[in-house]
Amino acid sequence: MIEKKESDLLIKENINLLSKQSVAFKKDLVHHSLLIERHENLFMKLIVPMFEDLFGLIASQNQDKKGNILDPDPDLKLKLERYLIQMKKAKE
């Protein structure tokens, strides 16, 4: 009988410990989800516009004074424009 009571107390202590750890894990999960959202916002607000400017610069440098494409890959401008469109869609 005494062993059963001791066993029950040990089980109750373990359950209490697990519930405390569960609460701590939930707090950590909320904190990490906020950090992820913040980093996604940072990416969308800083990195995507920077790439837009960079792709625009590359496309403008790839033309001569008459507007003809200099690169042997004439699809470069189209590829860059497609990347910009994809980034703008991802931004939304």
C-alpha atoms as a PDB file:
ATOM      1  CA  MET A   1       0.000   0.000   0.000  1.00  0.00           C
ATOM      2  CA  ILE A   2       2.810   2.394   0.871  1.00  0.00           C
ATOM      3  CA  GLU A   3       4.593   1.557  -2.373  1.00  0.00           C
ATOM      4  CA  LYS A   4       1.442   2.352  -4.343  1.00  0.00           C
ATOM      5  CA  LYS A   5       1.116   5.764  -2.661  1.00  0.00           C
ATOM      6  CA  GLU A   6       4.771   6.518  -3.357  1.00  0.00           C
ATOM      7  CA  SER A   7       4.320   5.413  -6.939  1.00  0.00           C
ATOM      8  CA  ASP A   8       1.217   7.607  -7.275  1.00  0.00           C
ATOM      9  CA  LEU A   9       3.099  10.607  -5.866  1.00  0.00           C
ATOM     10  CA  LEU A  10       5.950  10.008  -8.280  1.00  0.00           C
ATOM     11  CA  ILE A  11       3.516   9.802 -11.185  1.00  0.00           C
ATOM     12  CA  LYS A  12       1.805  13.044 -10.083  1.00  0.00           C
ATOM     13  CA  GLU A  13       5.165  14.802  -9.882  1.00  0.00           C
ATOM     14  CA  ASN A  14       6.062  13.578 -13.352  1.00  0.00           C
ATOM     15  CA  ILE A  15       2.710  14.734 -14.734  1.00  0.00           C
ATOM     16  CA  ASN A  16       3.188  18.172 -13.163  1.00  0.00           C
ATOM     17  CA  LEU A  17       6.682  18.382 -14.607  1.00  0.00           C
ATOM     18  CA  LEU A  18       5.401  17.426 -18.061  1.00  0.00           C
ATOM     19  CA  SER A  19       2.625  20.018 -17.904  1.00  0.00           C
ATOM     20  CA  LYS A  20       5.140  22.727 -16.939  1.00  0.00           C
ATOM     21  CA  GLN A  21       7.385  21.695 -19.823  1.00  0.00           C
ATOM     22  CA  SER A  22       4.395  21.736 -22.160  1.00  0.00           C
ATOM     23  CA  VAL A  23       3.622  25.336 -21.185  1.00  0.00           C
ATOM     24  CA  ALA A  24       7.267  26.292 -21.721  1.00  0.00           C
ATOM     25  CA  PHE A  25       7.264  24.624 -25.146  1.00  0.00           C
ATOM     26  CA  LYS A  26       4.089  26.484 -26.123  1.00  0.00           C
ATOM     27  CA  LYS A  27       5.708  29.789 -25.140  1.00  0.00           C
ATOM     28  CA  ASP A  28       8.784  28.926 -27.194  1.00  0.00           C
ATOM     29  CA  LEU A  29       6.606  27.966 -30.153  1.00  0.00           C
ATOM     30  CA  VAL A  30       4.773  31.300 -30.065  1.00  0.00           C
ATOM     31  CA  HIS A  31       8.077  33.151 -29.762  1.00  0.00           C
ATOM     32  CA  HIS A  32       9.592  31.277 -32.715  1.00  0.00           C
ATOM     33  CA  SER A  33       6.527  31.811 -34.879  1.00  0.00           C
ATOM     34  CA  LEU A  34       6.753  35.564 -34.199  1.00  0.00           C
ATOM     35  CA  LEU A  35      10.430  35.533 -35.149  1.00  0.00           C
ATOM     36  CA  ILE A  36       9.667  33.663 -38.362  1.00  0.00           C
ATOM     37  CA  GLU A  37       6.957  36.162 -39.275  1.00  0.00           C
ATOM     38  CA  ARG A  38       9.296  39.061 -38.527  1.00  0.00           C
ATOM     39  CA  HIS A  39      12.027  37.576 -40.727  1.00  0.00           C
ATOM     40  CA  GLU A  40       9.551  36.966 -43.550  1.00  0.00           C
ATOM     41  CA  ASN A  41       8.483  40.606 -43.340  1.00  0.00           C
ATOM     42  CA  LEU A  42      12.118  41.691 -43.342  1.00  0.00           C
ATOM     43  CA  PHE A  43      12.782  39.564 -46.412  1.00  0.00           C
ATOM     44  CA  MET A  44       9.817  40.956 -48.285  1.00  0.00           C
ATOM     45  CA  LYS A  45      10.528  44.579 -47.394  1.00  0.00           C
ATOM     46  CA  LEU A  46      14.299  44.631 -47.914  1.00  0.00           C
ATOM     47  CA  ILE A  47      15.600  41.756 -49.995  1.00  0.00           C
ATOM     48  CA  VAL A  48      12.914  41.615 -52.687  1.00  0.00           C
ATOM     49  CA  PRO A  49      13.140  45.345 -53.597  1.00  0.00           C
ATOM     50  CA  MET A  50      16.920  45.057 -53.618  1.00  0.00           C
ATOM     51  CA  PHE A  51      16.704  42.212 -56.139  1.00  0.00           C
ATOM     52  CA  GLU A  52      14.212  44.221 -58.191  1.00  0.00           C
ATOM     53  CA  ASP A  53      16.697  47.086 -58.416  1.00  0.00           C
ATOM     54  CA  LEU A  54      19.575  44.725 -59.167  1.00  0.00           C
ATOM     55  CA  PHE A  55      17.673  42.954 -61.951  1.00  0.00           C
ATOM     56  CA  GLY A  56      16.642  46.304 -63.408  1.00  0.00           C
ATOM     57  CA  LEU A  57      20.263  47.445 -63.388  1.00  0.00           C
ATOM     58  CA  ILE A  58      21.442  44.240 -65.059  1.00  0.00           C
ATOM     59  CA  ALA A  59      18.751  44.568 -67.729  1.00  0.00           C
ATOM     60  CA  SER A  60      19.671  48.211 -68.393  1.00  0.00           C
ATOM     61  CA  GLN A  61      23.409  47.451 -68.553  1.00  0.00           C
ATOM     62  CA  ASN A  62      22.722  44.691 -71.042  1.00  0.00           C
ATOM     63  CA  GLN A  63      21.672  47.191 -73.753  1.00  0.00           C
ATOM     64  CA  ASP A  64      23.610  49.510 -75.985  1.00  0.00           C
ATOM     65  CA  LYS A  65      22.692  53.166 -76.607  1.00  0.00           C
ATOM     66  CA  LYS A  66      20.103  52.172 -79.195  1.00  0.00           C
ATOM     67  CA  GLY A  67      18.419  49.688 -76.865  1.00  0.00           C
ATOM     68  CA  ASN A  68      19.728  46.580 -78.578  1.00  0.00           C
ATOM     69  CA  ILE A  69      20.582  43.607 -76.400  1.00  0.00           C
ATOM     70  CA  LEU A  70      24.338  43.115 -76.012  1.00  0.00           C
ATOM     71  CA  ASP A  71      24.356  39.726 -74.349  1.00  0.00           C
ATOM     72  CA  PRO A  72      24.587  36.594 -76.480  1.00  0.00           C
ATOM     73  CA  ASP A  73      21.660  35.368 -74.385  1.00  0.00           C
ATOM     74  CA  PRO A  74      18.733  37.491 -75.608  1.00  0.00           C
ATOM     75  CA  ASP A  75      16.423  35.769 -73.131  1.00  0.00           C
ATOM     76  CA  LEU A  76      18.265  37.309 -70.154  1.00  0.00           C
ATOM     77  CA  LYS A  77      15.974  40.324 -70.021  1.00  0.00           C
ATOM     78  CA  LEU A  78      12.907  38.096 -70.246  1.00  0.00           C
ATOM     79  CA  LYS A  79      14.258  35.843 -67.493  1.00  0.00           C
ATOM     80  CA  LEU A  80      14.940  38.824 -65.237  1.00  0.00           C
ATOM     81  CA  GLU A  81      11.476  40.224 -65.883  1.00  0.00           C
ATOM     82  CA  ARG A  82       9.971  36.814 -65.090  1.00  0.00           C
ATOM     83  CA  TYR A  83      11.951  36.685 -61.822  1.00  0.00           C
ATOM     84  CA  LEU A  84      10.680  40.156 -60.934  1.00  0.00           C
ATOM     85  CA  ILE A  85       7.091  39.106 -61.605  1.00  0.00           C
ATOM     86  CA  GLN A  86       7.547  36.000 -59.456  1.00  0.00           C
ATOM     87  CA  MET A  87       8.982  38.065 -56.611  1.00  0.00           C
ATOM     88  CA  LYS A  88       6.131  40.561 -56.823  1.00  0.00           C
ATOM     89  CA  LYS A  89       3.640  37.685 -56.654  1.00  0.00           C
ATOM     90  CA  ALA A  90       5.479  36.246 -53.652  1.00  0.00           C
ATOM     91  CA  LYS A  91       5.362  39.676 -52.045  1.00  0.00           C
ATOM     92  CA  GLU A  92       1.539  39.659 -52.137  1.00  0.00           C
END
